[in-house]
N, C-alpha and C. Protein backbone atom coordinates (compact mmCIF):
# COMPACT_ATOMS: atom_id res chain seq x y z
N MET A 1 0.83 -1.19 0.00
CA MET A 1 0.00 0.00 0.00
C MET A 1 0.88 1.27 0.00
N ARG A 2 1.89 1.21 0.83
CA ARG A 2 2.79 2.35 0.93
C ARG A 2 3.53 2.59 -0.40
N VAL A 3 3.91 1.50 -1.05
CA VAL A 3 4.60 1.60 -2.34
C VAL A 3 3.66 2.20 -3.38
N LEU A 4 2.39 1.81 -3.34
CA LEU A 4 1.40 2.34 -4.29
C LEU A 4 1.21 3.84 -4.09
N LEU A 5 1.08 4.27 -2.83
CA LEU A 5 0.91 5.70 -2.55
C LEU A 5 2.15 6.49 -2.97
N LEU A 6 3.30 5.93 -2.67
CA LEU A 6 4.54 6.60 -3.05
C LEU A 6 4.66 6.70 -4.57
N SER A 7 4.29 5.63 -5.26
CA SER A 7 4.32 5.64 -6.73
C SER A 7 3.37 6.69 -7.29
N LEU A 8 2.16 6.77 -6.75
CA LEU A 8 1.19 7.76 -7.21
C LEU A 8 1.70 9.18 -6.94
N LEU A 9 2.30 9.38 -5.78
CA LEU A 9 2.84 10.69 -5.45
C LEU A 9 3.96 11.07 -6.42
N LEU A 10 4.86 10.14 -6.71
CA LEU A 10 5.96 10.43 -7.63
C LEU A 10 5.46 10.68 -9.05
N ILE A 11 4.45 9.94 -9.48
CA ILE A 11 3.88 10.17 -10.81
C ILE A 11 3.23 11.54 -10.87
N GLY A 12 2.52 11.90 -9.81
CA GLY A 12 1.87 13.22 -9.77
C GLY A 12 2.87 14.35 -9.76
N LEU A 13 3.96 14.19 -9.01
CA LEU A 13 4.97 15.25 -8.93
C LEU A 13 5.85 15.32 -10.17
N SER A 14 5.90 14.25 -10.95
CA SER A 14 6.74 14.28 -12.15
C SER A 14 6.21 15.27 -13.19
N GLY A 15 4.93 15.61 -13.12
CA GLY A 15 4.36 16.60 -14.03
C GLY A 15 4.67 18.02 -13.60
N CYS A 16 5.12 18.20 -12.38
CA CYS A 16 5.43 19.54 -11.88
C CYS A 16 6.85 19.92 -12.29
N GLN A 17 7.01 21.13 -12.69
CA GLN A 17 8.34 21.63 -13.00
C GLN A 17 8.39 23.12 -12.70
N ILE A 18 9.57 23.65 -12.73
CA ILE A 18 9.73 25.08 -12.48
C ILE A 18 9.11 25.84 -13.63
N ILE A 19 8.34 26.85 -13.32
CA ILE A 19 7.67 27.63 -14.34
C ILE A 19 8.67 28.60 -14.95
N TYR A 20 8.78 28.55 -16.26
CA TYR A 20 9.68 29.46 -16.97
C TYR A 20 8.86 30.64 -17.47
N LYS A 21 9.32 31.83 -17.15
CA LYS A 21 8.62 33.03 -17.60
C LYS A 21 9.39 33.61 -18.78
N LEU A 22 8.69 33.83 -19.86
CA LEU A 22 9.31 34.40 -21.05
C LEU A 22 9.61 35.88 -20.84
N PRO A 23 10.67 36.36 -21.47
CA PRO A 23 10.91 37.80 -21.42
C PRO A 23 9.79 38.53 -22.16
N THR A 24 9.42 39.70 -21.65
CA THR A 24 8.32 40.47 -22.24
C THR A 24 8.88 41.76 -22.81
N ARG A 25 8.62 41.98 -24.07
CA ARG A 25 9.01 43.24 -24.71
C ARG A 25 7.74 43.84 -25.30
N GLN A 26 7.48 45.09 -24.94
CA GLN A 26 6.29 45.78 -25.43
C GLN A 26 6.69 47.13 -26.00
N GLY A 27 5.84 47.63 -26.87
CA GLY A 27 6.11 48.93 -27.47
C GLY A 27 7.09 48.81 -28.61
N ASN A 28 7.89 49.83 -28.78
CA ASN A 28 8.88 49.86 -29.85
C ASN A 28 10.16 49.17 -29.42
N VAL A 29 10.81 48.54 -30.38
CA VAL A 29 12.14 47.98 -30.14
C VAL A 29 13.13 49.11 -30.39
N ILE A 30 13.74 49.60 -29.32
CA ILE A 30 14.65 50.74 -29.42
C ILE A 30 16.08 50.22 -29.29
N GLU A 31 16.78 50.20 -30.39
CA GLU A 31 18.18 49.75 -30.41
C GLU A 31 19.08 50.96 -30.60
N GLN A 32 20.17 51.00 -29.88
CA GLN A 32 21.09 52.13 -29.98
C GLN A 32 21.67 52.27 -31.38
N ARG A 33 21.90 51.14 -32.05
CA ARG A 33 22.46 51.21 -33.41
C ARG A 33 21.49 51.89 -34.36
N ASP A 34 20.17 51.74 -34.14
CA ASP A 34 19.19 52.45 -34.96
C ASP A 34 19.18 53.94 -34.64
N LEU A 35 19.29 54.27 -33.36
CA LEU A 35 19.30 55.68 -32.96
C LEU A 35 20.53 56.40 -33.52
N ASP A 36 21.64 55.68 -33.61
CA ASP A 36 22.86 56.29 -34.14
C ASP A 36 22.73 56.63 -35.62
N LYS A 37 21.81 55.99 -36.31
CA LYS A 37 21.59 56.27 -37.74
C LYS A 37 20.79 57.55 -37.97
N LEU A 38 20.05 57.99 -36.96
CA LEU A 38 19.20 59.17 -37.13
C LEU A 38 20.02 60.44 -37.07
N LYS A 39 19.80 61.31 -38.04
CA LYS A 39 20.51 62.59 -38.12
C LYS A 39 19.51 63.71 -38.37
N PRO A 40 19.75 64.90 -37.82
CA PRO A 40 18.87 66.04 -38.12
C PRO A 40 18.80 66.27 -39.63
N GLY A 41 17.61 66.60 -40.10
CA GLY A 41 17.40 66.83 -41.53
C GLY A 41 16.78 65.64 -42.24
N MET A 42 16.71 64.47 -41.57
CA MET A 42 16.07 63.31 -42.19
C MET A 42 14.57 63.56 -42.30
N THR A 43 13.93 62.95 -43.28
CA THR A 43 12.49 63.10 -43.46
C THR A 43 11.75 62.15 -42.52
N ARG A 44 10.46 62.38 -42.38
CA ARG A 44 9.63 61.51 -41.54
C ARG A 44 9.66 60.06 -42.05
N ASP A 45 9.62 59.90 -43.37
CA ASP A 45 9.66 58.56 -43.94
C ASP A 45 10.98 57.85 -43.63
N GLN A 46 12.07 58.58 -43.65
CA GLN A 46 13.37 57.99 -43.32
C GLN A 46 13.42 57.58 -41.85
N VAL A 47 12.89 58.43 -40.97
CA VAL A 47 12.86 58.10 -39.54
C VAL A 47 11.98 56.88 -39.31
N LYS A 48 10.85 56.83 -39.97
CA LYS A 48 9.94 55.69 -39.81
C LYS A 48 10.58 54.42 -40.35
N PHE A 49 11.37 54.52 -41.42
CA PHE A 49 12.05 53.36 -41.97
C PHE A 49 13.07 52.80 -40.97
N VAL A 50 13.79 53.68 -40.30
CA VAL A 50 14.82 53.25 -39.36
C VAL A 50 14.22 52.77 -38.04
N MET A 51 13.27 53.53 -37.49
CA MET A 51 12.76 53.26 -36.14
C MET A 51 11.44 52.50 -36.12
N GLY A 52 10.72 52.50 -37.23
CA GLY A 52 9.40 51.88 -37.23
C GLY A 52 8.33 52.91 -36.91
N THR A 53 7.10 52.46 -36.84
CA THR A 53 5.99 53.35 -36.55
C THR A 53 6.06 53.81 -35.10
N PRO A 54 5.92 55.10 -34.84
CA PRO A 54 5.98 55.57 -33.45
C PRO A 54 4.80 55.05 -32.65
N LEU A 55 5.06 54.81 -31.37
CA LEU A 55 4.00 54.33 -30.49
C LEU A 55 2.98 55.43 -30.24
N ALA A 56 3.45 56.65 -30.13
CA ALA A 56 2.54 57.77 -29.86
C ALA A 56 2.81 58.89 -30.86
N ALA A 57 1.97 58.96 -31.88
CA ALA A 57 2.01 60.07 -32.84
C ALA A 57 0.60 60.63 -32.86
N THR A 58 0.43 61.80 -32.31
CA THR A 58 -0.91 62.38 -32.17
C THR A 58 -1.14 63.49 -33.18
N PRO A 59 -2.35 63.65 -33.67
CA PRO A 59 -2.63 64.75 -34.59
C PRO A 59 -2.58 66.11 -33.91
N PHE A 60 -2.63 66.13 -32.58
CA PHE A 60 -2.58 67.39 -31.84
C PHE A 60 -1.16 67.94 -31.76
N ARG A 61 -0.16 67.07 -31.85
CA ARG A 61 1.25 67.48 -31.86
C ARG A 61 1.93 66.80 -33.05
N ALA A 62 1.68 67.31 -34.23
CA ALA A 62 2.21 66.68 -35.44
C ALA A 62 3.73 66.80 -35.53
N ASP A 63 4.32 67.66 -34.72
CA ASP A 63 5.77 67.84 -34.77
C ASP A 63 6.52 66.90 -33.83
N ARG A 64 5.84 65.94 -33.22
CA ARG A 64 6.46 65.10 -32.20
C ARG A 64 6.04 63.64 -32.37
N TRP A 65 7.03 62.74 -32.37
CA TRP A 65 6.77 61.30 -32.36
C TRP A 65 7.45 60.73 -31.12
N ASP A 66 6.74 59.85 -30.43
CA ASP A 66 7.29 59.20 -29.24
C ASP A 66 7.46 57.71 -29.49
N TYR A 67 8.63 57.22 -29.17
CA TYR A 67 8.94 55.79 -29.23
C TYR A 67 9.17 55.33 -27.79
N VAL A 68 8.40 54.35 -27.34
CA VAL A 68 8.50 53.86 -25.97
C VAL A 68 8.80 52.37 -26.03
N GLY A 69 9.88 51.96 -25.37
CA GLY A 69 10.24 50.55 -25.30
C GLY A 69 10.20 50.08 -23.86
N TYR A 70 9.63 48.90 -23.63
CA TYR A 70 9.48 48.31 -22.30
C TYR A 70 9.98 46.88 -22.37
N TYR A 71 10.80 46.48 -21.41
CA TYR A 71 11.31 45.11 -21.37
C TYR A 71 11.28 44.61 -19.93
N LYS A 72 10.74 43.40 -19.77
CA LYS A 72 10.74 42.74 -18.46
C LYS A 72 11.44 41.40 -18.63
N SER A 73 12.54 41.22 -17.91
CA SER A 73 13.33 40.00 -18.03
C SER A 73 12.62 38.85 -17.30
N PRO A 74 13.04 37.61 -17.56
CA PRO A 74 12.44 36.47 -16.86
C PRO A 74 12.65 36.55 -15.34
N TYR A 75 13.61 37.34 -14.90
CA TYR A 75 13.89 37.48 -13.48
C TYR A 75 13.14 38.64 -12.84
N GLY A 76 12.29 39.32 -13.62
CA GLY A 76 11.46 40.40 -13.09
C GLY A 76 12.07 41.78 -13.17
N GLU A 77 13.26 41.91 -13.76
CA GLU A 77 13.88 43.23 -13.90
C GLU A 77 13.17 43.99 -15.02
N ILE A 78 12.75 45.21 -14.73
CA ILE A 78 12.00 46.01 -15.70
C ILE A 78 12.84 47.20 -16.13
N THR A 79 12.93 47.38 -17.44
CA THR A 79 13.60 48.56 -17.99
C THR A 79 12.69 49.20 -19.02
N GLN A 80 12.75 50.50 -19.09
CA GLN A 80 11.91 51.24 -20.03
C GLN A 80 12.74 52.38 -20.61
N ARG A 81 12.51 52.65 -21.88
CA ARG A 81 13.24 53.74 -22.54
C ARG A 81 12.28 54.49 -23.45
N THR A 82 12.36 55.81 -23.42
CA THR A 82 11.52 56.67 -24.25
C THR A 82 12.41 57.57 -25.09
N VAL A 83 12.15 57.58 -26.39
CA VAL A 83 12.86 58.46 -27.32
C VAL A 83 11.82 59.30 -28.03
N THR A 84 12.03 60.61 -28.04
CA THR A 84 11.10 61.54 -28.70
C THR A 84 11.81 62.21 -29.87
N ALA A 85 11.16 62.14 -31.03
CA ALA A 85 11.68 62.78 -32.24
C ALA A 85 10.85 64.03 -32.52
N PHE A 86 11.52 65.16 -32.71
CA PHE A 86 10.84 66.42 -33.01
C PHE A 86 11.09 66.79 -34.47
N PHE A 87 10.03 67.26 -35.13
CA PHE A 87 10.10 67.62 -36.54
C PHE A 87 9.72 69.08 -36.74
N ASP A 88 10.29 69.65 -37.77
CA ASP A 88 9.86 70.97 -38.25
C ASP A 88 9.41 70.73 -39.69
N GLY A 89 8.11 70.68 -39.87
CA GLY A 89 7.57 70.29 -41.17
C GLY A 89 7.81 68.81 -41.38
N ASP A 90 8.60 68.46 -42.39
CA ASP A 90 8.90 67.06 -42.68
C ASP A 90 10.34 66.69 -42.29
N GLN A 91 11.06 67.60 -41.64
CA GLN A 91 12.47 67.39 -41.32
C GLN A 91 12.67 67.12 -39.83
N LEU A 92 13.49 66.13 -39.52
CA LEU A 92 13.86 65.84 -38.13
C LEU A 92 14.76 66.96 -37.62
N THR A 93 14.38 67.56 -36.48
CA THR A 93 15.20 68.64 -35.92
C THR A 93 16.04 68.17 -34.74
N ARG A 94 15.46 67.35 -33.86
CA ARG A 94 16.23 66.89 -32.69
C ARG A 94 15.60 65.64 -32.11
N LEU A 95 16.38 64.96 -31.27
CA LEU A 95 15.94 63.76 -30.56
C LEU A 95 16.15 63.96 -29.07
N GLU A 96 15.23 63.47 -28.28
CA GLU A 96 15.42 63.44 -26.82
C GLU A 96 15.41 61.98 -26.38
N GLY A 97 16.34 61.63 -25.50
CA GLY A 97 16.41 60.27 -24.99
C GLY A 97 17.21 59.34 -25.88
N ALA A 98 17.93 59.89 -26.85
CA ALA A 98 18.69 59.05 -27.79
C ALA A 98 20.09 58.73 -27.29
N GLU A 99 20.51 59.32 -26.17
CA GLU A 99 21.83 59.04 -25.63
C GLU A 99 21.87 57.59 -25.17
N PRO A 100 23.03 56.95 -25.30
CA PRO A 100 23.11 55.55 -24.86
C PRO A 100 22.77 55.43 -23.38
N ALA A 101 21.87 54.53 -23.07
CA ALA A 101 21.48 54.30 -21.68
C ALA A 101 22.58 53.53 -20.97
N LYS A 102 22.79 53.84 -19.70
CA LYS A 102 23.82 53.18 -18.91
C LYS A 102 23.19 52.57 -17.68
N GLY A 103 23.78 51.49 -17.22
CA GLY A 103 23.33 50.87 -15.98
C GLY A 103 21.94 50.28 -16.10
N ASP A 104 21.10 50.58 -15.11
CA ASP A 104 19.78 49.99 -15.04
C ASP A 104 18.85 50.49 -16.13
N GLY A 105 19.16 51.63 -16.75
CA GLY A 105 18.29 52.17 -17.79
C GLY A 105 18.47 51.53 -19.15
N ALA A 106 19.49 50.70 -19.30
CA ALA A 106 19.74 50.08 -20.60
C ALA A 106 18.78 48.92 -20.81
N LEU A 107 18.22 48.84 -22.00
CA LEU A 107 17.34 47.73 -22.32
C LEU A 107 18.18 46.51 -22.67
N SER A 108 17.91 45.40 -22.01
CA SER A 108 18.60 44.17 -22.32
C SER A 108 17.96 43.52 -23.54
N LYS A 109 18.75 42.73 -24.23
CA LYS A 109 18.19 42.01 -25.37
C LYS A 109 17.38 40.82 -24.84
N PRO A 110 16.14 40.69 -25.27
CA PRO A 110 15.31 39.60 -24.77
C PRO A 110 15.44 38.34 -25.61
N ASP A 111 16.64 38.01 -26.05
CA ASP A 111 16.77 36.84 -26.88
C ASP A 111 17.25 35.66 -26.05
N ALA A 112 17.22 34.50 -26.65
CA ALA A 112 17.59 33.28 -25.93
C ALA A 112 19.05 33.31 -25.51
N ASP A 113 19.91 33.92 -26.30
CA ASP A 113 21.33 33.97 -25.96
C ASP A 113 21.57 34.69 -24.63
N ALA A 114 20.85 35.79 -24.40
CA ALA A 114 21.02 36.53 -23.15
C ALA A 114 20.55 35.71 -21.96
N VAL A 115 19.43 35.00 -22.13
CA VAL A 115 18.90 34.18 -21.04
C VAL A 115 19.83 33.01 -20.76
N ILE A 116 20.33 32.36 -21.82
CA ILE A 116 21.24 31.23 -21.65
C ILE A 116 22.54 31.69 -20.99
N LYS A 117 23.04 32.86 -21.39
CA LYS A 117 24.27 33.39 -20.80
C LYS A 117 24.08 33.67 -19.31
N ALA A 118 22.94 34.27 -18.94
CA ALA A 118 22.67 34.56 -17.53
C ALA A 118 22.56 33.26 -16.73
N ASP A 119 21.90 32.25 -17.30
CA ASP A 119 21.79 30.97 -16.61
C ASP A 119 23.15 30.31 -16.43
N ALA A 120 24.00 30.40 -17.46
CA ALA A 120 25.34 29.83 -17.37
C ALA A 120 26.16 30.53 -16.30
N GLN A 121 26.02 31.85 -16.20
CA GLN A 121 26.73 32.60 -15.17
C GLN A 121 26.24 32.20 -13.78
N ASP A 122 24.93 31.99 -13.64
CA ASP A 122 24.39 31.56 -12.35
C ASP A 122 24.92 30.18 -11.98
N ARG A 123 24.96 29.26 -12.97
CA ARG A 123 25.48 27.91 -12.70
C ARG A 123 26.96 27.97 -12.33
N ALA A 124 27.73 28.79 -13.04
CA ALA A 124 29.16 28.90 -12.76
C ALA A 124 29.39 29.45 -11.35
N ALA A 125 28.59 30.43 -10.95
CA ALA A 125 28.71 30.98 -9.60
C ALA A 125 28.36 29.93 -8.56
N ALA A 126 27.34 29.12 -8.83
CA ALA A 126 26.96 28.06 -7.90
C ALA A 126 28.05 27.01 -7.80
N GLU A 127 28.67 26.66 -8.93
CA GLU A 127 29.76 25.68 -8.90
C GLU A 127 30.97 26.22 -8.15
N ARG A 128 31.30 27.51 -8.35
CA ARG A 128 32.41 28.11 -7.61
C ARG A 128 32.13 28.09 -6.11
N SER A 129 30.91 28.40 -5.75
CA SER A 129 30.53 28.40 -4.34
C SER A 129 30.64 27.00 -3.76
N ALA A 130 30.21 26.00 -4.52
CA ALA A 130 30.30 24.62 -4.05
C ALA A 130 31.76 24.19 -3.92
N ARG A 131 32.60 24.60 -4.87
CA ARG A 131 34.02 24.28 -4.81
C ARG A 131 34.68 24.94 -3.61
N ASP A 132 34.30 26.18 -3.33
CA ASP A 132 34.88 26.90 -2.20
C ASP A 132 34.49 26.27 -0.87
N ASN A 133 33.32 25.66 -0.84
CA ASN A 133 32.84 25.03 0.39
C ASN A 133 33.34 23.60 0.53
N ASP A 134 34.04 23.08 -0.48
CA ASP A 134 34.55 21.72 -0.44
C ASP A 134 35.64 21.64 0.63
N SER A 135 35.52 20.67 1.50
CA SER A 135 36.51 20.53 2.57
C SER A 135 37.35 19.28 2.35
N ASP A 136 38.36 19.13 3.13
CA ASP A 136 39.25 17.97 3.03
C ASP A 136 38.87 16.89 4.03
N ILE A 137 37.66 16.89 4.52
CA ILE A 137 37.22 15.88 5.48
C ILE A 137 36.99 14.58 4.73
N VAL A 138 37.58 13.51 5.19
CA VAL A 138 37.43 12.21 4.57
C VAL A 138 36.24 11.52 5.21
N VAL A 139 35.21 11.27 4.41
CA VAL A 139 34.03 10.59 4.93
C VAL A 139 34.23 9.10 4.87
N ASN A 140 34.80 8.62 3.80
CA ASN A 140 35.07 7.21 3.64
C ASN A 140 36.58 7.04 3.56
N PRO A 141 37.18 6.32 4.48
CA PRO A 141 38.64 6.22 4.50
C PRO A 141 39.21 5.59 3.23
N ASP A 142 38.42 4.83 2.48
CA ASP A 142 38.92 4.21 1.26
C ASP A 142 39.03 5.21 0.11
N GLU A 143 38.41 6.39 0.23
CA GLU A 143 38.40 7.39 -0.84
C GLU A 143 39.24 8.60 -0.45
N ARG A 144 40.47 8.36 -0.10
CA ARG A 144 41.34 9.46 0.29
C ARG A 144 41.89 10.15 -0.95
N ARG A 145 42.12 11.42 -0.81
CA ARG A 145 42.69 12.19 -1.91
C ARG A 145 44.19 11.98 -1.95
N PRO A 146 44.79 12.06 -3.15
CA PRO A 146 46.25 11.87 -3.23
C PRO A 146 47.00 13.05 -2.66
């Protein structure tokens, strides 16, 4: 009876696993390499070609386009970046928020490589910690170290 209950418990728990949360990216994808391509004097069509459709372009402020990027990592870290493009007629006059973000304000890439790299770093840190905690205590006298 005990074996049957234990077997049922193990079968039930085998379906449980750690929940993986996907990275979430919303709004515009704001890459610094795209921002570096923008220069004053570019037309609206050229800006739209490089950056994509603005998230907030209102008919009340036709001289302003807002690009908003939001990223939430699988670990819950949230970063947001806003870039505003100002136009005079059809010409780009200036950008706000186009400076490279540093530290916590930088948007991380939500690709699998970044997640795999972070997981590998976590595993390496755990292995280093386990190695540092390794002692020279002999538990079994037959398994002595040289």
